[in-house]
Amino acid sequence: MKPIERCLIFAMVMAIAACAATSAHMENEEGAEVDCSKWGVGFVFAPLALIRSTNCVKKLQEAGYHKVDANAPLASAPQTAASGQKP
């Protein structure tokens, strides 16, 4: 196999192997929650996931939502015994 062929195959594999995952939880003053998390695999869908997540966050911020800490449990999520609170 020629070096140029190897380079082309490598470039194609890398283009297919691209991936992205975002995590953005939004909440408004009334406590309504929206998850703007998106994921994508491949040369087209990885950037698309990032764009969709960013657009989701921007639209919700314009509507009065704010980001919630990713490590904090959402209000609708059941509490576990490990957290010291009853479900």
PDB file of N, CA and C in Angstrom:
ATOM      1  N   MET A   1       0.842  -1.172   0.000  1.00  0.00           N
ATOM      2  CA  MET A   1       0.000   0.000   0.000  1.00  0.00           C
ATOM      3  C   MET A   1       0.891   1.240   0.000  1.00  0.00           C
ATOM      4  N   LYS A   2       0.551   2.196  -0.844  1.00  0.00           N
ATOM      5  CA  LYS A   2       1.325   3.419  -0.965  1.00  0.00           C
ATOM      6  C   LYS A   2       1.075   4.326   0.235  1.00  0.00           C
ATOM      7  N   PRO A   3       2.075   5.157   0.575  1.00  0.00           N
ATOM      8  CA  PRO A   3       1.913   6.074   1.710  1.00  0.00           C
ATOM      9  C   PRO A   3       0.703   7.004   1.566  1.00  0.00           C
ATOM     10  N   ILE A   4       0.431   7.454   0.344  1.00  0.00           N
ATOM     11  CA  ILE A   4      -0.715   8.351   0.138  1.00  0.00           C
ATOM     12  C   ILE A   4      -2.024   7.624   0.430  1.00  0.00           C
ATOM     13  N   GLU A   5      -2.086   6.353   0.083  1.00  0.00           N
ATOM     14  CA  GLU A   5      -3.285   5.565   0.365  1.00  0.00           C
ATOM     15  C   GLU A   5      -3.474   5.388   1.871  1.00  0.00           C
ATOM     16  N   ARG A   6      -2.376   5.171   2.551  1.00  0.00           N
ATOM     17  CA  ARG A   6      -2.445   5.043   4.014  1.00  0.00           C
ATOM     18  C   ARG A   6      -2.947   6.334   4.645  1.00  0.00           C
ATOM     19  N   CYS A   7      -2.439   7.447   4.159  1.00  0.00           N
ATOM     20  CA  CYS A   7      -2.874   8.742   4.686  1.00  0.00           C
ATOM     21  C   CYS A   7      -4.358   8.984   4.427  1.00  0.00           C
ATOM     22  N   LEU A   8      -4.838   8.634   3.247  1.00  0.00           N
ATOM     23  CA  LEU A   8      -6.248   8.813   2.927  1.00  0.00           C
ATOM     24  C   LEU A   8      -7.133   7.927   3.801  1.00  0.00           C
ATOM     25  N   ILE A   9      -6.724   6.693   4.001  1.00  0.00           N
ATOM     26  CA  ILE A   9      -7.489   5.777   4.856  1.00  0.00           C
ATOM     27  C   ILE A   9      -7.496   6.290   6.290  1.00  0.00           C
ATOM     28  N   PHE A  10      -6.357   6.748   6.758  1.00  0.00           N
ATOM     29  CA  PHE A  10      -6.280   7.291   8.116  1.00  0.00           C
ATOM     30  C   PHE A  10      -7.201   8.500   8.269  1.00  0.00           C
ATOM     31  N   ALA A  11      -7.199   9.389   7.284  1.00  0.00           N
ATOM     32  CA  ALA A  11      -8.048  10.581   7.333  1.00  0.00           C
ATOM     33  C   ALA A  11      -9.527  10.202   7.329  1.00  0.00           C
ATOM     34  N   MET A  12      -9.912   9.214   6.546  1.00  0.00           N
ATOM     35  CA  MET A  12     -11.304   8.774   6.508  1.00  0.00           C
ATOM     36  C   MET A  12     -11.727   8.152   7.834  1.00  0.00           C
ATOM     37  N   VAL A  13     -10.865   7.344   8.421  1.00  0.00           N
ATOM     38  CA  VAL A  13     -11.178   6.726   9.715  1.00  0.00           C
ATOM     39  C   VAL A  13     -11.327   7.804  10.779  1.00  0.00           C
ATOM     40  N   MET A  14     -10.451   8.779  10.793  1.00  0.00           N
ATOM     41  CA  MET A  14     -10.527   9.846  11.792  1.00  0.00           C
ATOM     42  C   MET A  14     -11.789  10.684  11.611  1.00  0.00           C
ATOM     43  N   ALA A  15     -12.212  10.891  10.381  1.00  0.00           N
ATOM     44  CA  ALA A  15     -13.421  11.665  10.119  1.00  0.00           C
ATOM     45  C   ALA A  15     -14.659  10.929  10.625  1.00  0.00           C
ATOM     46  N   ILE A  16     -14.674   9.638  10.475  1.00  0.00           N
ATOM     47  CA  ILE A  16     -15.809   8.832  10.924  1.00  0.00           C
ATOM     48  C   ILE A  16     -15.791   8.690  12.443  1.00  0.00           C
ATOM     49  N   ALA A  17     -14.612   8.642  13.043  1.00  0.00           N
ATOM     50  CA  ALA A  17     -14.479   8.359  14.462  1.00  0.00           C
ATOM     51  C   ALA A  17     -14.728   9.569  15.365  1.00  0.00           C
ATOM     52  N   ALA A  18     -14.923  10.744  14.806  1.00  0.00           N
ATOM     53  CA  ALA A  18     -15.142  11.929  15.638  1.00  0.00           C
ATOM     54  C   ALA A  18     -16.408  11.772  16.459  1.00  0.00           C
ATOM     55  N   CYS A  19     -16.374  12.265  17.696  1.00  0.00           N
ATOM     56  CA  CYS A  19     -17.571  12.204  18.526  1.00  0.00           C
ATOM     57  C   CYS A  19     -17.613  13.417  19.447  1.00  0.00           C
ATOM     58  N   ALA A  20     -18.817  13.746  19.895  1.00  0.00           N
ATOM     59  CA  ALA A  20     -19.000  14.871  20.814  1.00  0.00           C
ATOM     60  C   ALA A  20     -20.187  14.581  21.710  1.00  0.00           C
ATOM     61  N   ALA A  21     -20.083  15.013  22.950  1.00  0.00           N
ATOM     62  CA  ALA A  21     -21.186  14.905  23.902  1.00  0.00           C
ATOM     63  C   ALA A  21     -21.185  16.148  24.776  1.00  0.00           C
ATOM     64  N   THR A  22     -22.337  16.789  24.878  1.00  0.00           N
ATOM     65  CA  THR A  22     -22.453  17.977  25.712  1.00  0.00           C
ATOM     66  C   THR A  22     -23.477  17.719  26.805  1.00  0.00           C
ATOM     67  N   SER A  23     -23.357  18.447  27.865  1.00  0.00           N
ATOM     68  CA  SER A  23     -24.294  18.319  28.976  1.00  0.00           C
ATOM     69  C   SER A  23     -24.650  19.709  29.472  1.00  0.00           C
ATOM     70  N   ALA A  24     -25.913  20.073  29.365  1.00  0.00           N
ATOM     71  CA  ALA A  24     -26.367  21.380  29.826  1.00  0.00           C
ATOM     72  C   ALA A  24     -27.784  21.231  30.370  1.00  0.00           C
ATOM     73  N   HIS A  25     -27.930  21.454  31.666  1.00  0.00           N
ATOM     74  CA  HIS A  25     -29.231  21.400  32.312  1.00  0.00           C
ATOM     75  C   HIS A  25     -29.656  22.827  32.614  1.00  0.00           C
ATOM     76  N   MET A  26     -30.882  23.157  32.239  1.00  0.00           N
ATOM     77  CA  MET A  26     -31.394  24.510  32.402  1.00  0.00           C
ATOM     78  C   MET A  26     -32.615  24.487  33.319  1.00  0.00           C
ATOM     79  N   GLU A  27     -32.810  25.591  34.051  1.00  0.00           N
ATOM     80  CA  GLU A  27     -33.946  25.693  34.960  1.00  0.00           C
ATOM     81  C   GLU A  27     -34.439  27.135  34.978  1.00  0.00           C
ATOM     82  N   ASN A  28     -35.763  27.325  35.095  1.00  0.00           N
ATOM     83  CA  ASN A  28     -36.286  28.679  35.204  1.00  0.00           C
ATOM     84  C   ASN A  28     -36.682  28.978  36.640  1.00  0.00           C
ATOM     85  N   GLU A  29     -37.221  30.168  36.886  1.00  0.00           N
ATOM     86  CA  GLU A  29     -37.556  30.600  38.241  1.00  0.00           C
ATOM     87  C   GLU A  29     -38.672  29.768  38.864  1.00  0.00           C
ATOM     88  N   GLU A  30     -39.555  29.191  38.043  1.00  0.00           N
ATOM     89  CA  GLU A  30     -40.647  28.371  38.556  1.00  0.00           C
ATOM     90  C   GLU A  30     -40.202  26.939  38.858  1.00  0.00           C
ATOM     91  N   GLY A  31     -38.978  26.597  38.504  1.00  0.00           N
ATOM     92  CA  GLY A  31     -38.460  25.257  38.753  1.00  0.00           C
ATOM     93  C   GLY A  31     -38.592  24.300  37.578  1.00  0.00           C
ATOM     94  N   ALA A  32     -39.098  24.778  36.448  1.00  0.00           N
ATOM     95  CA  ALA A  32     -39.190  23.931  35.256  1.00  0.00           C
ATOM     96  C   ALA A  32     -37.784  23.655  34.736  1.00  0.00           C
ATOM     97  N   GLU A  33     -37.535  22.406  34.395  1.00  0.00           N
ATOM     98  CA  GLU A  33     -36.190  21.993  33.967  1.00  0.00           C
ATOM     99  C   GLU A  33     -36.193  21.476  32.537  1.00  0.00           C
ATOM    100  N   VAL A  34     -35.127  21.777  31.823  1.00  0.00           N
ATOM    101  CA  VAL A  34     -34.950  21.312  30.452  1.00  0.00           C
ATOM    102  C   VAL A  34     -33.525  20.811  30.318  1.00  0.00           C
ATOM    103  N   ASP A  35     -33.369  19.697  29.629  1.00  0.00           N
ATOM    104  CA  ASP A  35     -32.048  19.116  29.401  1.00  0.00           C
ATOM    105  C   ASP A  35     -31.616  19.425  27.973  1.00  0.00           C
ATOM    106  N   CYS A  36     -30.547  20.184  27.810  1.00  0.00           N
ATOM    107  CA  CYS A  36     -30.023  20.531  26.482  1.00  0.00           C
ATOM    108  C   CYS A  36     -28.839  19.647  26.098  1.00  0.00           C
ATOM    109  N   SER A  37     -28.722  18.487  26.693  1.00  0.00           N
ATOM    110  CA  SER A  37     -27.614  17.577  26.382  1.00  0.00           C
ATOM    111  C   SER A  37     -27.812  16.970  24.998  1.00  0.00           C
ATOM    112  N   LYS A  38     -26.758  16.928  24.246  1.00  0.00           N
ATOM    113  CA  LYS A  38     -26.779  16.348  22.892  1.00  0.00           C
ATOM    114  C   LYS A  38     -25.512  15.530  22.683  1.00  0.00           C
ATOM    115  N   TRP A  39     -25.570  14.579  21.753  1.00  0.00           N
ATOM    116  CA  TRP A  39     -24.373  13.809  21.407  1.00  0.00           C
ATOM    117  C   TRP A  39     -24.403  13.511  19.919  1.00  0.00           C
ATOM    118  N   GLY A  40     -23.224  13.276  19.358  1.00  0.00           N
ATOM    119  CA  GLY A  40     -23.116  12.962  17.942  1.00  0.00           C
ATOM    120  C   GLY A  40     -21.832  12.223  17.646  1.00  0.00           C
ATOM    121  N   VAL A  41     -21.894  11.362  16.638  1.00  0.00           N
ATOM    122  CA  VAL A  41     -20.736  10.577  16.224  1.00  0.00           C
ATOM    123  C   VAL A  41     -20.533  10.790  14.729  1.00  0.00           C
ATOM    124  N   GLY A  42     -19.307  11.005  14.352  1.00  0.00           N
ATOM    125  CA  GLY A  42     -18.988  11.169  12.939  1.00  0.00           C
ATOM    126  C   GLY A  42     -18.668  12.606  12.596  1.00  0.00           C
ATOM    127  N   PHE A  43     -18.168  12.786  11.413  1.00  0.00           N
ATOM    128  CA  PHE A  43     -17.696  14.079  10.935  1.00  0.00           C
ATOM    129  C   PHE A  43     -18.820  15.111  10.864  1.00  0.00           C
ATOM    130  N   VAL A  44     -20.030  14.672  10.555  1.00  0.00           N
ATOM    131  CA  VAL A  44     -21.164  15.584  10.431  1.00  0.00           C
ATOM    132  C   VAL A  44     -21.905  15.728  11.758  1.00  0.00           C
ATOM    133  N   PHE A  45     -22.168  14.626  12.421  1.00  0.00           N
ATOM    134  CA  PHE A  45     -23.042  14.653  13.591  1.00  0.00           C
ATOM    135  C   PHE A  45     -22.376  15.163  14.871  1.00  0.00           C
ATOM    136  N   ALA A  46     -21.071  15.066  14.991  1.00  0.00           N
ATOM    137  CA  ALA A  46     -20.396  15.612  16.176  1.00  0.00           C
ATOM    138  C   ALA A  46     -20.514  17.139  16.225  1.00  0.00           C
ATOM    139  N   PRO A  47     -20.166  17.859  15.157  1.00  0.00           N
ATOM    140  CA  PRO A  47     -20.357  19.320  15.190  1.00  0.00           C
ATOM    141  C   PRO A  47     -21.830  19.712  15.282  1.00  0.00           C
ATOM    142  N   LEU A  48     -22.708  18.921  14.669  1.00  0.00           N
ATOM    143  CA  LEU A  48     -24.132  19.205  14.731  1.00  0.00           C
ATOM    144  C   LEU A  48     -24.649  19.132  16.168  1.00  0.00           C
ATOM    145  N   ALA A  49     -24.151  18.168  16.941  1.00  0.00           N
ATOM    146  CA  ALA A  49     -24.548  18.045  18.344  1.00  0.00           C
ATOM    147  C   ALA A  49     -24.123  19.279  19.138  1.00  0.00           C
ATOM    148  N   LEU A  50     -22.934  19.767  18.893  1.00  0.00           N
ATOM    149  CA  LEU A  50     -22.454  20.966  19.583  1.00  0.00           C
ATOM    150  C   LEU A  50     -23.285  22.197  19.222  1.00  0.00           C
ATOM    151  N   ILE A  51     -23.622  22.327  17.960  1.00  0.00           N
ATOM    152  CA  ILE A  51     -24.424  23.459  17.499  1.00  0.00           C
ATOM    153  C   ILE A  51     -25.823  23.402  18.100  1.00  0.00           C
ATOM    154  N   ARG A  52     -26.445  22.210  18.090  1.00  0.00           N
ATOM    155  CA  ARG A  52     -27.804  22.072  18.631  1.00  0.00           C
ATOM    156  C   ARG A  52     -27.833  22.364  20.122  1.00  0.00           C
ATOM    157  N   SER A  53     -26.832  21.912  20.856  1.00  0.00           N
ATOM    158  CA  SER A  53     -26.780  22.160  22.294  1.00  0.00           C
ATOM    159  C   SER A  53     -26.608  23.653  22.570  1.00  0.00           C
ATOM    160  N   THR A  54     -25.722  24.298  21.843  1.00  0.00           N
ATOM    161  CA  THR A  54     -25.493  25.736  22.016  1.00  0.00           C
ATOM    162  C   THR A  54     -26.760  26.524  21.696  1.00  0.00           C
ATOM    163  N   ASN A  55     -27.452  26.165  20.615  1.00  0.00           N
ATOM    164  CA  ASN A  55     -28.686  26.854  20.254  1.00  0.00           C
ATOM    165  C   ASN A  55     -29.758  26.654  21.312  1.00  0.00           C
ATOM    166  N   CYS A  56     -29.856  25.464  21.860  1.00  0.00           N
ATOM    167  CA  CYS A  56     -30.820  25.154  22.912  1.00  0.00           C
ATOM    168  C   CYS A  56     -30.568  26.044  24.128  1.00  0.00           C
ATOM    169  N   VAL A  57     -29.323  26.138  24.556  1.00  0.00           N
ATOM    170  CA  VAL A  57     -28.969  26.955  25.723  1.00  0.00           C
ATOM    171  C   VAL A  57     -29.283  28.423  25.455  1.00  0.00           C
ATOM    172  N   LYS A  58     -28.928  28.935  24.285  1.00  0.00           N
ATOM    173  CA  LYS A  58     -29.171  30.345  23.960  1.00  0.00           C
ATOM    174  C   LYS A  58     -30.663  30.670  23.988  1.00  0.00           C
ATOM    175  N   LYS A  59     -31.483  29.813  23.363  1.00  0.00           N
ATOM    176  CA  LYS A  59     -32.925  30.055  23.314  1.00  0.00           C
ATOM    177  C   LYS A  59     -33.532  30.028  24.713  1.00  0.00           C
ATOM    178  N   LEU A  60     -33.092  29.079  25.537  1.00  0.00           N
ATOM    179  CA  LEU A  60     -33.637  28.992  26.885  1.00  0.00           C
ATOM    180  C   LEU A  60     -33.184  30.155  27.761  1.00  0.00           C
ATOM    181  N   GLN A  61     -31.947  30.614  27.589  1.00  0.00           N
ATOM    182  CA  GLN A  61     -31.478  31.773  28.350  1.00  0.00           C
ATOM    183  C   GLN A  61     -32.279  33.014  27.984  1.00  0.00           C
ATOM    184  N   GLU A  62     -32.629  33.150  26.716  1.00  0.00           N
ATOM    185  CA  GLU A  62     -33.463  34.270  26.282  1.00  0.00           C
ATOM    186  C   GLU A  62     -34.861  34.177  26.885  1.00  0.00           C
ATOM    187  N   ALA A  63     -35.304  32.950  27.189  1.00  0.00           N
ATOM    188  CA  ALA A  63     -36.626  32.733  27.778  1.00  0.00           C
ATOM    189  C   ALA A  63     -36.592  32.793  29.305  1.00  0.00           C
ATOM    190  N   GLY A  64     -35.431  33.112  29.890  1.00  0.00           N
ATOM    191  CA  GLY A  64     -35.345  33.282  31.327  1.00  0.00           C
ATOM    192  C   GLY A  64     -34.794  32.086  32.093  1.00  0.00           C
ATOM    193  N   TYR A  65     -34.294  31.085  31.402  1.00  0.00           N
ATOM    194  CA  TYR A  65     -33.699  29.926  32.075  1.00  0.00           C
ATOM    195  C   TYR A  65     -32.247  30.217  32.415  1.00  0.00           C
ATOM    196  N   HIS A  66     -31.707  29.489  33.382  1.00  0.00           N
ATOM    197  CA  HIS A  66     -30.294  29.589  33.728  1.00  0.00           C
ATOM    198  C   HIS A  66     -29.731  28.185  33.873  1.00  0.00           C
ATOM    199  N   LYS A  67     -28.410  28.084  33.717  1.00  0.00           N
ATOM    200  CA  LYS A  67     -27.752  26.776  33.810  1.00  0.00           C
ATOM    201  C   LYS A  67     -27.753  26.287  35.248  1.00  0.00           C
ATOM    202  N   VAL A  68     -27.918  24.976  35.389  1.00  0.00           N
ATOM    203  CA  VAL A  68     -27.866  24.326  36.686  1.00  0.00           C
ATOM    204  C   VAL A  68     -26.562  23.551  36.747  1.00  0.00           C
ATOM    205  N   ASP A  69     -25.931  23.509  37.909  1.00  0.00           N
ATOM    206  CA  ASP A  69     -24.689  22.759  38.084  1.00  0.00           C
ATOM    207  C   ASP A  69     -24.893  21.319  37.626  1.00  0.00           C
ATOM    208  N   ALA A  70     -24.008  20.827  36.770  1.00  0.00           N
ATOM    209  CA  ALA A  70     -24.137  19.473  36.226  1.00  0.00           C
ATOM    210  C   ALA A  70     -24.038  18.405  37.302  1.00  0.00           C
ATOM    211  N   ASN A  71     -23.354  18.686  38.399  1.00  0.00           N
ATOM    212  CA  ASN A  71     -23.197  17.696  39.463  1.00  0.00           C
ATOM    213  C   ASN A  71     -24.350  17.712  40.455  1.00  0.00           C
ATOM    214  N   ALA A  72     -25.152  18.761  40.425  1.00  0.00           N
ATOM    215  CA  ALA A  72     -26.279  18.851  41.352  1.00  0.00           C
ATOM    216  C   ALA A  72     -27.449  18.045  40.802  1.00  0.00           C
ATOM    217  N   PRO A  73     -28.149  17.300  41.640  1.00  0.00           N
ATOM    218  CA  PRO A  73     -29.301  16.545  41.156  1.00  0.00           C
ATOM    219  C   PRO A  73     -30.428  17.485  40.777  1.00  0.00           C
ATOM    220  N   LEU A  74     -31.159  17.135  39.730  1.00  0.00           N
ATOM    221  CA  LEU A  74     -32.306  17.937  39.337  1.00  0.00           C
ATOM    222  C   LEU A  74     -33.411  17.756  40.359  1.00  0.00           C
ATOM    223  N   ALA A  75     -34.267  18.747  40.500  1.00  0.00           N
ATOM    224  CA  ALA A  75     -35.328  18.698  41.514  1.00  0.00           C
ATOM    225  C   ALA A  75     -36.266  17.522  41.271  1.00  0.00           C
ATOM    226  N   SER A  76     -36.455  17.134  40.010  1.00  0.00           N
ATOM    227  CA  SER A  76     -37.368  16.032  39.705  1.00  0.00           C
ATOM    228  C   SER A  76     -36.718  14.670  39.901  1.00  0.00           C
ATOM    229  N   ALA A  77     -35.398  14.634  40.086  1.00  0.00           N
ATOM    230  CA  ALA A  77     -34.708  13.357  40.268  1.00  0.00           C
ATOM    231  C   ALA A  77     -34.943  12.843  41.685  1.00  0.00           C
ATOM    232  N   PRO A  78     -35.249  11.548  41.831  1.00  0.00           N
ATOM    233  CA  PRO A  78     -35.472  11.016  43.174  1.00  0.00           C
ATOM    234  C   PRO A  78     -34.177  11.010  43.976  1.00  0.00           C
ATOM    235  N   GLN A  79     -34.280  11.331  45.262  1.00  0.00           N
ATOM    236  CA  GLN A  79     -33.127  11.303  46.161  1.00  0.00           C
ATOM    237  C   GLN A  79     -32.861   9.865  46.577  1.00  0.00           C
ATOM    238  N   THR A  80     -31.616   9.545  46.823  1.00  0.00           N
ATOM    239  CA  THR A  80     -31.270   8.190  47.228  1.00  0.00           C
ATOM    240  C   THR A  80     -30.883   8.167  48.705  1.00  0.00           C
ATOM    241  N   ALA A  81     -30.861   6.969  49.273  1.00  0.00           N
ATOM    242  CA  ALA A  81     -30.493   6.810  50.675  1.00  0.00           C
ATOM    243  C   ALA A  81     -29.037   7.240  50.885  1.00  0.00           C
ATOM    244  N   ALA A  82     -28.211   7.106  49.873  1.00  0.00           N
ATOM    245  CA  ALA A  82     -26.797   7.469  50.003  1.00  0.00           C
ATOM    246  C   ALA A  82     -26.633   8.971  50.226  1.00  0.00           C
ATOM    247  N   SER A  83     -27.577   9.767  49.746  1.00  0.00           N
ATOM    248  CA  SER A  83     -27.471  11.214  49.924  1.00  0.00           C
ATOM    249  C   SER A  83     -27.985  11.661  51.277  1.00  0.00           C
ATOM    250  N   GLY A  84     -28.535  10.732  52.052  1.00  0.00           N
ATOM    251  CA  GLY A  84     -29.017  11.068  53.376  1.00  0.00           C
ATOM    252  C   GLY A  84     -30.448  11.569  53.383  1.00  0.00           C
ATOM    253  N   GLN A  85     -31.098  11.575  52.205  1.00  0.00           N
ATOM    254  CA  GLN A  85     -32.477  12.035  52.134  1.00  0.00           C
ATOM    255  C   GLN A  85     -33.366  10.892  51.657  1.00  0.00           C
ATOM    256  N   LYS A  86     -34.611  10.941  52.071  1.00  0.00           N
ATOM    257  CA  LYS A  86     -35.567   9.922  51.637  1.00  0.00           C
ATOM    258  C   LYS A  86     -36.068  10.242  50.254  1.00  0.00           C
ATOM    259  N   PRO A  87     -36.369   9.196  49.453  1.00  0.00           N
ATOM    260  CA  PRO A  87     -36.902   9.441  48.104  1.00  0.00           C
ATOM    261  C   PRO A  87     -38.262  10.081  48.137  1.00  0.00           C
TER     262      PRO A  87
END
